[in-house]
Amino acid sequence: MLQLTENATTIVRSISEQAQGAGLRLAADAEPDGALSAALVPEPEGADQVIEQEGARVFLDQGAAAELDDKVLDAGMDDSGNVQFGISQQG
């Protein structure tokens, strides 16, 4: 199952609280390049896997859940204040 770093947990929780309990939804794109899309949504879709960690809510569609099963989601802010997400292998 996808794990979240402390930074990712803090950032996703902060975003979710601003949108009154929403979550970050990761979805596998239809293209075969392994790209994922990320969007703030009010609630998960029917078949989404829901990950909750210390108030952070992440929703994964079936493709993203399979692709990220053994991964770690990290997040940080760039110099302009934009959120940057990164994915790495679980150690």
N, C-alpha and C. Protein backbone atom coordinates (compact mmCIF):
# COMPACT_ATOMS: atom_id res chain seq x y z
N MET A 1 0.85 -1.18 0.00
CA MET A 1 0.00 0.00 0.00
C MET A 1 0.89 1.24 0.00
N LEU A 2 0.45 2.25 -0.72
CA LEU A 2 1.17 3.52 -0.78
C LEU A 2 1.36 4.07 0.63
N GLN A 3 2.58 4.53 0.89
CA GLN A 3 2.88 5.20 2.16
C GLN A 3 3.13 6.67 1.90
N LEU A 4 2.88 7.50 2.91
CA LEU A 4 3.11 8.93 2.81
C LEU A 4 4.23 9.33 3.75
N THR A 5 5.13 10.19 3.29
CA THR A 5 6.15 10.74 4.18
C THR A 5 5.48 11.75 5.11
N GLU A 6 6.21 12.18 6.10
CA GLU A 6 5.69 13.19 7.02
C GLU A 6 5.36 14.48 6.27
N ASN A 7 6.22 14.88 5.33
CA ASN A 7 5.96 16.09 4.54
C ASN A 7 4.69 15.95 3.72
N ALA A 8 4.53 14.80 3.06
CA ALA A 8 3.33 14.58 2.24
C ALA A 8 2.09 14.59 3.11
N THR A 9 2.15 13.96 4.26
CA THR A 9 1.01 13.92 5.17
C THR A 9 0.61 15.33 5.58
N THR A 10 1.59 16.15 5.94
CA THR A 10 1.32 17.52 6.37
C THR A 10 0.71 18.35 5.24
N ILE A 11 1.27 18.25 4.04
CA ILE A 11 0.78 19.06 2.92
C ILE A 11 -0.61 18.60 2.48
N VAL A 12 -0.82 17.30 2.34
CA VAL A 12 -2.13 16.80 1.91
C VAL A 12 -3.19 17.13 2.96
N ARG A 13 -2.85 17.00 4.24
CA ARG A 13 -3.79 17.34 5.31
C ARG A 13 -4.15 18.83 5.25
N SER A 14 -3.17 19.68 5.03
CA SER A 14 -3.41 21.12 4.95
C SER A 14 -4.31 21.45 3.77
N ILE A 15 -4.06 20.85 2.63
CA ILE A 15 -4.90 21.08 1.45
C ILE A 15 -6.32 20.58 1.72
N SER A 16 -6.43 19.41 2.31
CA SER A 16 -7.74 18.81 2.58
C SER A 16 -8.55 19.65 3.56
N GLU A 17 -7.89 20.18 4.59
CA GLU A 17 -8.60 20.98 5.59
C GLU A 17 -9.13 22.27 4.97
N GLN A 18 -8.39 22.85 4.03
CA GLN A 18 -8.85 24.08 3.38
C GLN A 18 -10.09 23.82 2.54
N ALA A 19 -10.24 22.58 2.07
CA ALA A 19 -11.39 22.23 1.23
C ALA A 19 -12.41 21.41 2.01
N GLN A 20 -12.40 21.55 3.32
CA GLN A 20 -13.38 20.92 4.21
C GLN A 20 -13.50 19.41 4.01
N GLY A 21 -12.39 18.72 4.26
CA GLY A 21 -12.42 17.26 4.26
C GLY A 21 -12.22 16.59 2.93
N ALA A 22 -11.84 17.34 1.92
CA ALA A 22 -11.59 16.74 0.61
C ALA A 22 -10.33 15.88 0.68
N GLY A 23 -9.96 15.30 -0.42
CA GLY A 23 -8.76 14.49 -0.47
C GLY A 23 -8.05 14.66 -1.79
N LEU A 24 -6.82 14.20 -1.82
CA LEU A 24 -6.01 14.23 -3.03
C LEU A 24 -6.27 12.92 -3.77
N ARG A 25 -6.75 13.01 -5.02
CA ARG A 25 -7.03 11.81 -5.80
C ARG A 25 -5.95 11.64 -6.86
N LEU A 26 -5.31 10.47 -6.84
CA LEU A 26 -4.32 10.12 -7.84
C LEU A 26 -4.95 9.11 -8.78
N ALA A 27 -4.83 9.36 -10.08
CA ALA A 27 -5.42 8.47 -11.07
C ALA A 27 -4.41 8.18 -12.16
N ALA A 28 -4.40 6.93 -12.61
CA ALA A 28 -3.52 6.53 -13.71
C ALA A 28 -4.10 7.08 -15.01
N ASP A 29 -3.26 7.74 -15.79
CA ASP A 29 -3.69 8.25 -17.09
C ASP A 29 -3.89 7.09 -18.06
N ALA A 30 -4.66 7.31 -19.08
CA ALA A 30 -4.93 6.28 -20.08
C ALA A 30 -3.69 5.97 -20.92
N GLU A 31 -2.76 6.89 -20.96
CA GLU A 31 -1.54 6.68 -21.75
C GLU A 31 -0.66 5.63 -21.07
N PRO A 32 0.07 4.83 -21.85
CA PRO A 32 0.88 3.76 -21.27
C PRO A 32 2.22 4.22 -20.69
N ASP A 33 2.41 5.52 -20.54
CA ASP A 33 3.70 6.03 -20.04
C ASP A 33 3.81 6.03 -18.52
N GLY A 34 2.79 5.55 -17.82
CA GLY A 34 2.83 5.48 -16.36
C GLY A 34 2.55 6.80 -15.67
N ALA A 35 2.07 7.80 -16.40
CA ALA A 35 1.80 9.10 -15.81
C ALA A 35 0.58 9.03 -14.89
N LEU A 36 0.61 9.85 -13.86
CA LEU A 36 -0.51 9.95 -12.93
C LEU A 36 -1.01 11.38 -12.92
N SER A 37 -2.30 11.54 -12.71
CA SER A 37 -2.85 12.87 -12.52
C SER A 37 -3.23 13.01 -11.05
N ALA A 38 -3.17 14.23 -10.56
CA ALA A 38 -3.52 14.52 -9.17
C ALA A 38 -4.54 15.65 -9.15
N ALA A 39 -5.57 15.48 -8.32
CA ALA A 39 -6.60 16.51 -8.22
C ALA A 39 -7.19 16.49 -6.82
N LEU A 40 -7.58 17.65 -6.34
CA LEU A 40 -8.29 17.76 -5.07
C LEU A 40 -9.76 17.50 -5.36
N VAL A 41 -10.33 16.50 -4.69
CA VAL A 41 -11.74 16.14 -4.92
C VAL A 41 -12.45 16.06 -3.57
N PRO A 42 -13.77 16.28 -3.57
CA PRO A 42 -14.52 16.28 -2.31
C PRO A 42 -14.65 14.90 -1.67
N GLU A 43 -14.65 13.84 -2.48
CA GLU A 43 -14.80 12.50 -1.94
C GLU A 43 -14.27 11.47 -2.95
N PRO A 44 -13.96 10.26 -2.49
CA PRO A 44 -13.46 9.25 -3.42
C PRO A 44 -14.57 8.76 -4.36
N GLU A 45 -14.14 8.24 -5.50
CA GLU A 45 -15.09 7.59 -6.39
C GLU A 45 -15.32 6.17 -5.88
N GLY A 46 -16.34 5.50 -6.39
CA GLY A 46 -16.78 4.21 -5.87
C GLY A 46 -15.72 3.16 -5.65
N ALA A 47 -14.83 2.94 -6.61
CA ALA A 47 -13.84 1.87 -6.50
C ALA A 47 -12.48 2.35 -6.00
N ASP A 48 -12.37 3.62 -5.59
CA ASP A 48 -11.09 4.16 -5.14
C ASP A 48 -10.62 3.50 -3.85
N GLN A 49 -9.31 3.31 -3.75
CA GLN A 49 -8.69 2.89 -2.50
C GLN A 49 -8.48 4.18 -1.70
N VAL A 50 -8.85 4.17 -0.43
CA VAL A 50 -8.72 5.35 0.42
C VAL A 50 -7.59 5.12 1.42
N ILE A 51 -6.66 6.05 1.46
CA ILE A 51 -5.57 6.02 2.42
C ILE A 51 -5.73 7.22 3.32
N GLU A 52 -5.84 6.97 4.61
CA GLU A 52 -5.94 8.05 5.59
C GLU A 52 -4.77 7.93 6.55
N GLN A 53 -4.05 9.03 6.72
CA GLN A 53 -2.90 9.03 7.60
C GLN A 53 -2.83 10.36 8.32
N GLU A 54 -3.07 10.34 9.60
CA GLU A 54 -2.99 11.54 10.44
C GLU A 54 -3.78 12.71 9.85
N GLY A 55 -4.96 12.44 9.36
CA GLY A 55 -5.83 13.49 8.82
C GLY A 55 -5.65 13.77 7.35
N ALA A 56 -4.64 13.19 6.72
CA ALA A 56 -4.43 13.33 5.28
C ALA A 56 -5.22 12.24 4.57
N ARG A 57 -5.95 12.62 3.51
CA ARG A 57 -6.75 11.64 2.77
C ARG A 57 -6.28 11.61 1.32
N VAL A 58 -5.90 10.40 0.86
CA VAL A 58 -5.48 10.20 -0.52
C VAL A 58 -6.37 9.12 -1.10
N PHE A 59 -6.90 9.39 -2.29
CA PHE A 59 -7.77 8.44 -2.99
C PHE A 59 -7.03 7.96 -4.23
N LEU A 60 -6.99 6.65 -4.44
CA LEU A 60 -6.30 6.07 -5.58
C LEU A 60 -7.27 5.31 -6.46
N ASP A 61 -7.30 5.63 -7.75
CA ASP A 61 -8.12 4.80 -8.63
C ASP A 61 -7.42 3.44 -8.77
N GLN A 62 -8.07 2.49 -9.40
CA GLN A 62 -7.53 1.12 -9.46
C GLN A 62 -6.15 1.08 -10.11
N GLY A 63 -5.96 1.83 -11.19
CA GLY A 63 -4.67 1.85 -11.87
C GLY A 63 -3.58 2.44 -11.01
N ALA A 64 -3.87 3.55 -10.34
CA ALA A 64 -2.88 4.19 -9.47
C ALA A 64 -2.58 3.31 -8.26
N ALA A 65 -3.60 2.65 -7.70
CA ALA A 65 -3.39 1.78 -6.54
C ALA A 65 -2.43 0.64 -6.90
N ALA A 66 -2.61 0.05 -8.07
CA ALA A 66 -1.73 -1.04 -8.50
C ALA A 66 -0.32 -0.53 -8.75
N GLU A 67 -0.20 0.62 -9.39
CA GLU A 67 1.10 1.19 -9.74
C GLU A 67 1.87 1.66 -8.50
N LEU A 68 1.16 2.14 -7.48
CA LEU A 68 1.81 2.74 -6.31
C LEU A 68 1.84 1.83 -5.08
N ASP A 69 1.49 0.57 -5.25
CA ASP A 69 1.36 -0.34 -4.12
C ASP A 69 2.62 -0.43 -3.27
N ASP A 70 3.79 -0.35 -3.87
CA ASP A 70 5.06 -0.49 -3.14
C ASP A 70 5.86 0.81 -3.15
N LYS A 71 5.15 1.95 -3.21
CA LYS A 71 5.80 3.25 -3.34
C LYS A 71 5.55 4.14 -2.12
N VAL A 72 6.32 5.24 -2.07
CA VAL A 72 6.20 6.26 -1.03
C VAL A 72 5.93 7.59 -1.72
N LEU A 73 4.92 8.32 -1.24
CA LEU A 73 4.60 9.65 -1.76
C LEU A 73 5.25 10.69 -0.86
N ASP A 74 6.04 11.56 -1.47
CA ASP A 74 6.66 12.66 -0.75
C ASP A 74 6.15 13.96 -1.35
N ALA A 75 6.28 15.04 -0.63
CA ALA A 75 5.82 16.34 -1.12
C ALA A 75 6.68 17.44 -0.50
N GLY A 76 6.74 18.54 -1.20
CA GLY A 76 7.47 19.70 -0.73
C GLY A 76 6.99 20.92 -1.48
N MET A 77 7.54 22.05 -1.13
CA MET A 77 7.19 23.31 -1.77
C MET A 77 8.41 23.80 -2.54
N ASP A 78 8.16 24.29 -3.78
CA ASP A 78 9.27 24.88 -4.53
C ASP A 78 9.44 26.34 -4.13
N ASP A 79 10.38 27.01 -4.76
CA ASP A 79 10.69 28.40 -4.40
C ASP A 79 9.53 29.35 -4.63
N SER A 80 8.60 28.96 -5.50
CA SER A 80 7.43 29.80 -5.81
C SER A 80 6.23 29.49 -4.92
N GLY A 81 6.38 28.51 -4.01
CA GLY A 81 5.27 28.14 -3.14
C GLY A 81 4.33 27.10 -3.72
N ASN A 82 4.72 26.49 -4.85
CA ASN A 82 3.91 25.45 -5.46
C ASN A 82 4.25 24.09 -4.85
N VAL A 83 3.25 23.27 -4.70
CA VAL A 83 3.46 21.92 -4.15
C VAL A 83 4.06 21.04 -5.23
N GLN A 84 5.08 20.29 -4.86
CA GLN A 84 5.74 19.33 -5.75
C GLN A 84 5.62 17.95 -5.10
N PHE A 85 5.13 16.97 -5.85
CA PHE A 85 5.03 15.61 -5.35
C PHE A 85 6.11 14.76 -5.99
N GLY A 86 6.60 13.80 -5.23
CA GLY A 86 7.57 12.85 -5.73
C GLY A 86 7.21 11.45 -5.26
N ILE A 87 7.57 10.46 -6.05
CA ILE A 87 7.28 9.08 -5.73
C ILE A 87 8.58 8.28 -5.75
N SER A 88 8.79 7.48 -4.71
CA SER A 88 9.98 6.64 -4.66
C SER A 88 9.59 5.24 -4.19
N GLN A 89 10.54 4.33 -4.32
CA GLN A 89 10.34 2.94 -3.91
C GLN A 89 10.35 2.85 -2.38
N GLN A 90 9.52 1.99 -1.80
CA GLN A 90 9.57 1.78 -0.35
C GLN A 90 10.87 1.09 -0.02
N GLY A 91 11.46 1.49 1.12
CA GLY A 91 12.74 0.93 1.53
C GLY A 91 12.57 -0.28 2.27
